[in-house]
Amino acid sequence: MILGSADDWTGHFKRHDERLLERICEILPDCIAAMPENPLEDDITINLIDRFHLDAVIRRLFHHWQYQFEPFGHDENGVAFSKGKIDFVVCWDQNREKYLAYEAKRLNVTTKSGSTSSLATAYVTEGLVRFVTEQYSEGLPVGCMLGYVLDGNVGSVKPKIEKAVADNSELVGLLAGPDDLPAIASATRLTSDHERENSGGNITVRHALVPCC
């Protein structure tokens, strides 16, 4: 839970996302270069997070970051339980309920037959939707999707992401978007607004599509 003006906190979350994304775009190429062809999503994310502590800007911006972060839910008796695992989060103080969440998905993956699969639908139905159900970022104003575009062809996958969001608009409680945001470094960016199915509150999701070759 966060206190204070929702508008103030929304801006705070967005500014931190922009600063972190600059660093991700700087760090990610070295991670990918050291990995085998067609790396798995978790392997990319582990290697990305492993390098955060080496980055002076990230160390200055954030108090803590965690791979496979488990947000807590509470039952009617106040007993805590895990709501699943978010790919990674960053926190700027010791309050574990105030975090910026990143759900990472591979895009434009080469299949065994040699063809390319965008995985745009899975990006929405297995990733974006978790912010809407409040499995991720419950009570928080902003969440983030991070697309690892393995073949580097962001231009081909971006319209497929937009179509997948539109095709699943009811599932993800779409209110607005996806709309373009200014690029940051190598990242192509989008934003979308969603109504949450349980609380009825809204969340803004920031999408970053980062080339990985």
C-alpha atoms as a PDB file:
ATOM      1  CA  MET A   1       0.000   0.000   0.000  1.00  0.00           C
ATOM      2  CA  ILE A   2       1.200   3.517  -0.763  1.00  0.00           C
ATOM      3  CA  LEU A   3       0.176   6.766   0.901  1.00  0.00           C
ATOM      4  CA  GLY A   4      -0.241  10.232  -0.614  1.00  0.00           C
ATOM      5  CA  SER A   5      -1.500  11.515  -3.976  1.00  0.00           C
ATOM      6  CA  ALA A   6      -1.978   8.798  -6.585  1.00  0.00           C
ATOM      7  CA  ASP A   7      -0.889  11.239  -9.298  1.00  0.00           C
ATOM      8  CA  ASP A   8       2.343  12.013  -7.442  1.00  0.00           C
ATOM      9  CA  TRP A   9       3.133   8.322  -7.018  1.00  0.00           C
ATOM     10  CA  THR A  10       2.292   7.513 -10.639  1.00  0.00           C
ATOM     11  CA  GLY A  11       4.858  10.062 -11.817  1.00  0.00           C
ATOM     12  CA  HIS A  12       7.392   8.687  -9.341  1.00  0.00           C
ATOM     13  CA  PHE A  13       6.961   5.145 -10.671  1.00  0.00           C
ATOM     14  CA  LYS A  14       7.190   6.292 -14.289  1.00  0.00           C
ATOM     15  CA  ARG A  15      10.380   8.282 -13.721  1.00  0.00           C
ATOM     16  CA  HIS A  16      12.038   5.306 -12.047  1.00  0.00           C
ATOM     17  CA  ASP A  17      10.998   3.043 -14.917  1.00  0.00           C
ATOM     18  CA  GLU A  18      12.574   5.442 -17.418  1.00  0.00           C
ATOM     19  CA  ARG A  19      15.854   5.633 -15.525  1.00  0.00           C
ATOM     20  CA  LEU A  20      16.040   1.864 -15.060  1.00  0.00           C
ATOM     21  CA  LEU A  21      15.183   1.198 -18.698  1.00  0.00           C
ATOM     22  CA  GLU A  22      18.144   3.328 -19.785  1.00  0.00           C
ATOM     23  CA  ARG A  23      20.407   1.061 -17.775  1.00  0.00           C
ATOM     24  CA  ILE A  24      18.730  -2.156 -18.977  1.00  0.00           C
ATOM     25  CA  CYS A  25      19.355  -1.132 -22.586  1.00  0.00           C
ATOM     26  CA  GLU A  26      23.002  -0.564 -21.694  1.00  0.00           C
ATOM     27  CA  ILE A  27      23.455  -3.838 -19.802  1.00  0.00           C
ATOM     28  CA  LEU A  28      21.385  -6.281 -21.853  1.00  0.00           C
ATOM     29  CA  PRO A  29      23.611  -6.537 -24.969  1.00  0.00           C
ATOM     30  CA  ASP A  30      26.539  -7.843 -22.914  1.00  0.00           C
ATOM     31  CA  CYS A  31      24.245 -10.387 -21.255  1.00  0.00           C
ATOM     32  CA  ILE A  32      22.948 -11.659 -24.590  1.00  0.00           C
ATOM     33  CA  ALA A  33      26.434 -11.758 -26.154  1.00  0.00           C
ATOM     34  CA  ALA A  34      27.631 -14.135 -23.448  1.00  0.00           C
ATOM     35  CA  MET A  35      24.687 -16.546 -23.843  1.00  0.00           C
ATOM     36  CA  PRO A  36      23.946 -19.304 -26.367  1.00  0.00           C
ATOM     37  CA  GLU A  37      21.615 -18.679 -29.305  1.00  0.00           C
ATOM     38  CA  ASN A  38      17.895 -18.429 -28.503  1.00  0.00           C
ATOM     39  CA  PRO A  39      18.325 -18.147 -24.707  1.00  0.00           C
ATOM     40  CA  LEU A  40      15.450 -18.862 -22.336  1.00  0.00           C
ATOM     41  CA  GLU A  41      13.552 -16.008 -20.694  1.00  0.00           C
ATOM     42  CA  ASP A  42      14.633 -16.881 -17.155  1.00  0.00           C
ATOM     43  CA  ASP A  43      18.278 -17.188 -18.194  1.00  0.00           C
ATOM     44  CA  ILE A  44      18.209 -13.718 -19.758  1.00  0.00           C
ATOM     45  CA  THR A  45      16.562 -12.202 -16.694  1.00  0.00           C
ATOM     46  CA  ILE A  46      18.912 -13.887 -14.211  1.00  0.00           C
ATOM     47  CA  ASN A  47      21.952 -12.588 -16.078  1.00  0.00           C
ATOM     48  CA  LEU A  48      20.427  -9.120 -16.372  1.00  0.00           C
ATOM     49  CA  ILE A  49      19.659  -8.858 -12.648  1.00  0.00           C
ATOM     50  CA  ASP A  50      23.038 -10.329 -11.744  1.00  0.00           C
ATOM     51  CA  ARG A  51      24.681  -7.269 -13.321  1.00  0.00           C
ATOM     52  CA  PHE A  52      22.543  -4.658 -11.559  1.00  0.00           C
ATOM     53  CA  HIS A  53      24.906  -4.444  -8.581  1.00  0.00           C
ATOM     54  CA  LEU A  54      27.746  -3.506 -10.955  1.00  0.00           C
ATOM     55  CA  ASP A  55      25.884  -0.439 -12.212  1.00  0.00           C
ATOM     56  CA  ALA A  56      26.483   2.781 -10.237  1.00  0.00           C
ATOM     57  CA  VAL A  57      23.233   4.406 -11.422  1.00  0.00           C
ATOM     58  CA  ILE A  58      21.072   1.452 -10.372  1.00  0.00           C
ATOM     59  CA  ARG A  59      22.803   1.282  -6.991  1.00  0.00           C
ATOM     60  CA  ARG A  60      22.090   4.968  -6.470  1.00  0.00           C
ATOM     61  CA  LEU A  61      18.448   4.818  -7.587  1.00  0.00           C
ATOM     62  CA  PHE A  62      17.267   1.722  -5.769  1.00  0.00           C
ATOM     63  CA  HIS A  63      17.518   0.324  -2.272  1.00  0.00           C
ATOM     64  CA  HIS A  64      16.881  -3.231  -3.423  1.00  0.00           C
ATOM     65  CA  TRP A  65      16.090  -5.369  -6.460  1.00  0.00           C
ATOM     66  CA  GLN A  66      14.999  -8.980  -6.568  1.00  0.00           C
ATOM     67  CA  TYR A  67      14.664 -11.723  -9.155  1.00  0.00           C
ATOM     68  CA  GLN A  68      11.506 -13.877  -8.776  1.00  0.00           C
ATOM     69  CA  PHE A  69       9.921 -11.599  -6.189  1.00  0.00           C
ATOM     70  CA  GLU A  70       6.905 -13.054  -4.348  1.00  0.00           C
ATOM     71  CA  PRO A  71       4.210 -10.505  -3.424  1.00  0.00           C
ATOM     72  CA  PHE A  72       2.055 -11.494  -0.460  1.00  0.00           C
ATOM     73  CA  GLY A  73      -1.718 -11.754  -0.340  1.00  0.00           C
ATOM     74  CA  HIS A  74      -3.750 -12.140   2.851  1.00  0.00           C
ATOM     75  CA  ASP A  75      -6.774 -14.317   3.566  1.00  0.00           C
ATOM     76  CA  GLU A  76      -9.809 -13.295   5.620  1.00  0.00           C
ATOM     77  CA  ASN A  77      -7.893 -14.090   8.815  1.00  0.00           C
ATOM     78  CA  GLY A  78      -4.934 -11.952   7.839  1.00  0.00           C
ATOM     79  CA  VAL A  79      -2.727 -14.956   7.117  1.00  0.00           C
ATOM     80  CA  ALA A  80      -0.176 -14.175   4.394  1.00  0.00           C
ATOM     81  CA  PHE A  81       0.324 -16.310   1.292  1.00  0.00           C
ATOM     82  CA  SER A  82       2.394 -16.045  -1.877  1.00  0.00           C
ATOM     83  CA  LYS A  83       0.606 -14.675  -4.956  1.00  0.00           C
ATOM     84  CA  GLY A  84       3.184 -16.166  -7.314  1.00  0.00           C
ATOM     85  CA  LYS A  85       6.494 -14.868  -8.591  1.00  0.00           C
ATOM     86  CA  ILE A  86       7.175 -11.682 -10.540  1.00  0.00           C
ATOM     87  CA  ASP A  87      10.182 -11.900 -12.864  1.00  0.00           C
ATOM     88  CA  PHE A  88      11.863  -9.020 -11.041  1.00  0.00           C
ATOM     89  CA  VAL A  89      11.118  -5.900  -9.039  1.00  0.00           C
ATOM     90  CA  VAL A  90      13.008  -2.824  -7.904  1.00  0.00           C
ATOM     91  CA  CYS A  91      12.361  -1.027  -4.592  1.00  0.00           C
ATOM     92  CA  TRP A  92      13.554   2.387  -3.448  1.00  0.00           C
ATOM     93  CA  ASP A  93      13.079   1.787   0.290  1.00  0.00           C
ATOM     94  CA  GLN A  94      12.442  -1.054   2.744  1.00  0.00           C
ATOM     95  CA  ASN A  95       8.672  -1.215   2.162  1.00  0.00           C
ATOM     96  CA  ARG A  96       8.217  -4.500   0.257  1.00  0.00           C
ATOM     97  CA  GLU A  97       4.642  -3.547  -0.692  1.00  0.00           C
ATOM     98  CA  LYS A  98       5.896  -0.565  -2.720  1.00  0.00           C
ATOM     99  CA  TYR A  99       7.735  -1.920  -5.728  1.00  0.00           C
ATOM    100  CA  LEU A 100       8.013  -1.481  -9.481  1.00  0.00           C
ATOM    101  CA  ALA A 101       7.296  -4.836 -11.116  1.00  0.00           C
ATOM    102  CA  TYR A 102       8.678  -6.147 -14.403  1.00  0.00           C
ATOM    103  CA  GLU A 103       7.168  -9.127 -16.204  1.00  0.00           C
ATOM    104  CA  ALA A 104       9.573 -10.261 -18.935  1.00  0.00           C
ATOM    105  CA  LYS A 105       8.614 -12.202 -22.061  1.00  0.00           C
ATOM    106  CA  ARG A 106      10.580 -13.459 -25.059  1.00  0.00           C
ATOM    107  CA  LEU A 107       9.352 -12.260 -28.447  1.00  0.00           C
ATOM    108  CA  ASN A 108      10.212 -13.281 -32.030  1.00  0.00           C
ATOM    109  CA  VAL A 109      11.643 -16.622 -30.985  1.00  0.00           C
ATOM    110  CA  THR A 110      13.167 -19.022 -33.520  1.00  0.00           C
ATOM    111  CA  THR A 111      11.369 -22.371 -33.400  1.00  0.00           C
ATOM    112  CA  LYS A 112      12.911 -25.797 -33.962  1.00  0.00           C
ATOM    113  CA  SER A 113      11.684 -25.694 -37.568  1.00  0.00           C
ATOM    114  CA  GLY A 114      13.568 -22.454 -38.139  1.00  0.00           C
ATOM    115  CA  SER A 115      10.487 -20.221 -38.357  1.00  0.00           C
ATOM    116  CA  THR A 116       9.862 -17.216 -36.122  1.00  0.00           C
ATOM    117  CA  SER A 117       7.088 -17.168 -33.533  1.00  0.00           C
ATOM    118  CA  SER A 118       6.176 -13.738 -32.199  1.00  0.00           C
ATOM    119  CA  LEU A 119       4.662 -15.065 -28.915  1.00  0.00           C
ATOM    120  CA  ALA A 120       2.656 -11.820 -28.837  1.00  0.00           C
ATOM    121  CA  THR A 121      -0.499 -13.540 -27.586  1.00  0.00           C
ATOM    122  CA  ALA A 122       1.343 -15.175 -24.687  1.00  0.00           C
ATOM    123  CA  TYR A 123       2.854 -11.778 -23.856  1.00  0.00           C
ATOM    124  CA  VAL A 124      -0.706 -10.589 -23.195  1.00  0.00           C
ATOM    125  CA  THR A 125      -2.531 -13.665 -21.875  1.00  0.00           C
ATOM    126  CA  GLU A 126       0.321 -14.984 -19.700  1.00  0.00           C
ATOM    127  CA  GLY A 127       1.992 -11.703 -18.787  1.00  0.00           C
ATOM    128  CA  LEU A 128       0.002  -8.478 -19.060  1.00  0.00           C
ATOM    129  CA  VAL A 129      -3.133 -10.052 -17.591  1.00  0.00           C
ATOM    130  CA  ARG A 130      -1.393 -10.645 -14.251  1.00  0.00           C
ATOM    131  CA  PHE A 131      -1.331  -6.912 -13.583  1.00  0.00           C
ATOM    132  CA  VAL A 132      -5.089  -6.777 -14.241  1.00  0.00           C
ATOM    133  CA  THR A 133      -5.923  -9.623 -11.861  1.00  0.00           C
ATOM    134  CA  GLU A 134      -3.657  -7.951  -9.251  1.00  0.00           C
ATOM    135  CA  GLN A 135      -1.534 -11.055  -8.953  1.00  0.00           C
ATOM    136  CA  TYR A 136       1.155  -8.440  -9.570  1.00  0.00           C
ATOM    137  CA  SER A 137       1.318  -4.838  -8.291  1.00  0.00           C
ATOM    138  CA  GLU A 138      -1.814  -5.020  -6.156  1.00  0.00           C
ATOM    139  CA  GLY A 139      -2.835  -1.493  -5.152  1.00  0.00           C
ATOM    140  CA  LEU A 140       0.035   0.066  -7.112  1.00  0.00           C
ATOM    141  CA  PRO A 141      -0.462   2.535  -9.987  1.00  0.00           C
ATOM    142  CA  VAL A 142       2.135   1.298 -12.498  1.00  0.00           C
ATOM    143  CA  GLY A 143       3.517  -2.020 -13.707  1.00  0.00           C
ATOM    144  CA  CYS A 144       5.967  -2.837 -16.508  1.00  0.00           C
ATOM    145  CA  MET A 145       6.224  -5.378 -19.314  1.00  0.00           C
ATOM    146  CA  LEU A 146       9.683  -6.068 -20.738  1.00  0.00           C
ATOM    147  CA  GLY A 147       9.848  -7.761 -24.135  1.00  0.00           C
ATOM    148  CA  TYR A 148      13.114  -9.441 -25.119  1.00  0.00           C
ATOM    149  CA  VAL A 149      12.973  -9.285 -28.937  1.00  0.00           C
ATOM    150  CA  LEU A 150      15.384 -12.089 -29.728  1.00  0.00           C
ATOM    151  CA  ASP A 151      15.775 -11.476 -33.464  1.00  0.00           C
ATOM    152  CA  GLY A 152      16.029  -7.714 -32.947  1.00  0.00           C
ATOM    153  CA  ASN A 153      13.088  -7.012 -35.272  1.00  0.00           C
ATOM    154  CA  VAL A 154      11.041  -4.768 -32.998  1.00  0.00           C
ATOM    155  CA  GLY A 155       9.239  -3.267 -36.000  1.00  0.00           C
ATOM    156  CA  SER A 156       7.668  -6.620 -36.871  1.00  0.00           C
ATOM    157  CA  VAL A 157       6.532  -7.574 -33.368  1.00  0.00           C
ATOM    158  CA  LYS A 158       5.204  -4.210 -32.146  1.00  0.00           C
ATOM    159  CA  PRO A 159       2.001  -4.308 -34.267  1.00  0.00           C
ATOM    160  CA  LYS A 160       1.451  -7.917 -33.181  1.00  0.00           C
ATOM    161  CA  ILE A 161       1.624  -6.858 -29.526  1.00  0.00           C
ATOM    162  CA  GLU A 162      -0.849  -4.059 -30.222  1.00  0.00           C
ATOM    163  CA  LYS A 163      -3.202  -6.481 -31.995  1.00  0.00           C
ATOM    164  CA  ALA A 164      -2.917  -9.073 -29.202  1.00  0.00           C
ATOM    165  CA  VAL A 165      -3.865  -6.443 -26.630  1.00  0.00           C
ATOM    166  CA  ALA A 166      -6.841  -5.331 -28.742  1.00  0.00           C
ATOM    167  CA  ASP A 167      -7.954  -8.918 -29.387  1.00  0.00           C
ATOM    168  CA  ASN A 168      -7.883  -9.608 -25.643  1.00  0.00           C
ATOM    169  CA  SER A 169      -9.221  -6.230 -24.556  1.00  0.00           C
ATOM    170  CA  GLU A 170     -11.946  -7.692 -22.339  1.00  0.00           C
ATOM    171  CA  LEU A 171      -9.529 -10.112 -20.663  1.00  0.00           C
ATOM    172  CA  VAL A 172      -7.138  -7.286 -19.771  1.00  0.00           C
ATOM    173  CA  GLY A 173      -9.788  -4.676 -18.947  1.00  0.00           C
ATOM    174  CA  LEU A 174      -8.409  -2.323 -21.572  1.00  0.00           C
ATOM    175  CA  LEU A 175      -9.336   1.320 -21.025  1.00  0.00           C
ATOM    176  CA  ALA A 176      -6.860   3.064 -23.323  1.00  0.00           C
ATOM    177  CA  GLY A 177      -3.953   2.266 -25.611  1.00  0.00           C
ATOM    178  CA  PRO A 178      -1.591   0.802 -26.385  1.00  0.00           C
ATOM    179  CA  ASP A 179      -0.177   4.217 -27.264  1.00  0.00           C
ATOM    180  CA  ASP A 180       3.360   5.071 -28.272  1.00  0.00           C
ATOM    181  CA  LEU A 181       5.808   6.537 -25.779  1.00  0.00           C
ATOM    182  CA  PRO A 182       9.119   8.164 -26.709  1.00  0.00           C
ATOM    183  CA  ALA A 183      11.886   5.634 -27.239  1.00  0.00           C
ATOM    184  CA  ILE A 184      14.542   5.254 -24.575  1.00  0.00           C
ATOM    185  CA  ALA A 185      17.926   4.134 -25.909  1.00  0.00           C
ATOM    186  CA  SER A 186      17.218   0.975 -27.960  1.00  0.00           C
ATOM    187  CA  ALA A 187      13.788   0.357 -26.381  1.00  0.00           C
ATOM    188  CA  THR A 188      10.554   0.918 -28.281  1.00  0.00           C
ATOM    189  CA  ARG A 189       7.891   1.849 -25.748  1.00  0.00           C
ATOM    190  CA  LEU A 190       4.111   1.719 -25.345  1.00  0.00           C
ATOM    191  CA  THR A 191       1.657   2.498 -22.574  1.00  0.00           C
ATOM    192  CA  SER A 192      -1.802   1.082 -21.839  1.00  0.00           C
ATOM    193  CA  ASP A 193      -4.389   1.632 -19.110  1.00  0.00           C
ATOM    194  CA  HIS A 194      -6.439  -1.171 -17.564  1.00  0.00           C
ATOM    195  CA  GLU A 195      -9.323  -1.624 -15.155  1.00  0.00           C
ATOM    196  CA  ARG A 196      -8.629  -4.245 -12.527  1.00  0.00           C
ATOM    197  CA  GLU A 197     -11.209  -6.976 -12.242  1.00  0.00           C
ATOM    198  CA  ASN A 198     -11.316  -7.292  -8.448  1.00  0.00           C
ATOM    199  CA  SER A 199     -10.700  -3.857  -6.922  1.00  0.00           C
ATOM    200  CA  GLY A 200     -12.103  -1.858  -9.843  1.00  0.00           C
ATOM    201  CA  GLY A 201      -9.073   0.420  -9.666  1.00  0.00           C
ATOM    202  CA  ASN A 202      -6.923   1.251 -12.678  1.00  0.00           C
ATOM    203  CA  ILE A 203      -3.312   0.493 -13.515  1.00  0.00           C
ATOM    204  CA  THR A 204      -1.011   1.907 -16.167  1.00  0.00           C
ATOM    205  CA  VAL A 205       1.271  -0.663 -17.773  1.00  0.00           C
ATOM    206  CA  ARG A 206       4.452   0.497 -19.492  1.00  0.00           C
ATOM    207  CA  HIS A 207       5.737  -1.758 -22.290  1.00  0.00           C
ATOM    208  CA  ALA A 208       9.365  -1.804 -23.423  1.00  0.00           C
ATOM    209  CA  LEU A 209      10.433  -3.868 -26.448  1.00  0.00           C
ATOM    210  CA  VAL A 210      14.205  -4.265 -26.413  1.00  0.00           C
ATOM    211  CA  PRO A 211      16.197  -5.792 -29.311  1.00  0.00           C
ATOM    212  CA  CYS A 212      18.445  -8.645 -28.213  1.00  0.00           C
ATOM    213  CA  CYS A 213      20.769  -9.103 -31.154  1.00  0.00           C
END
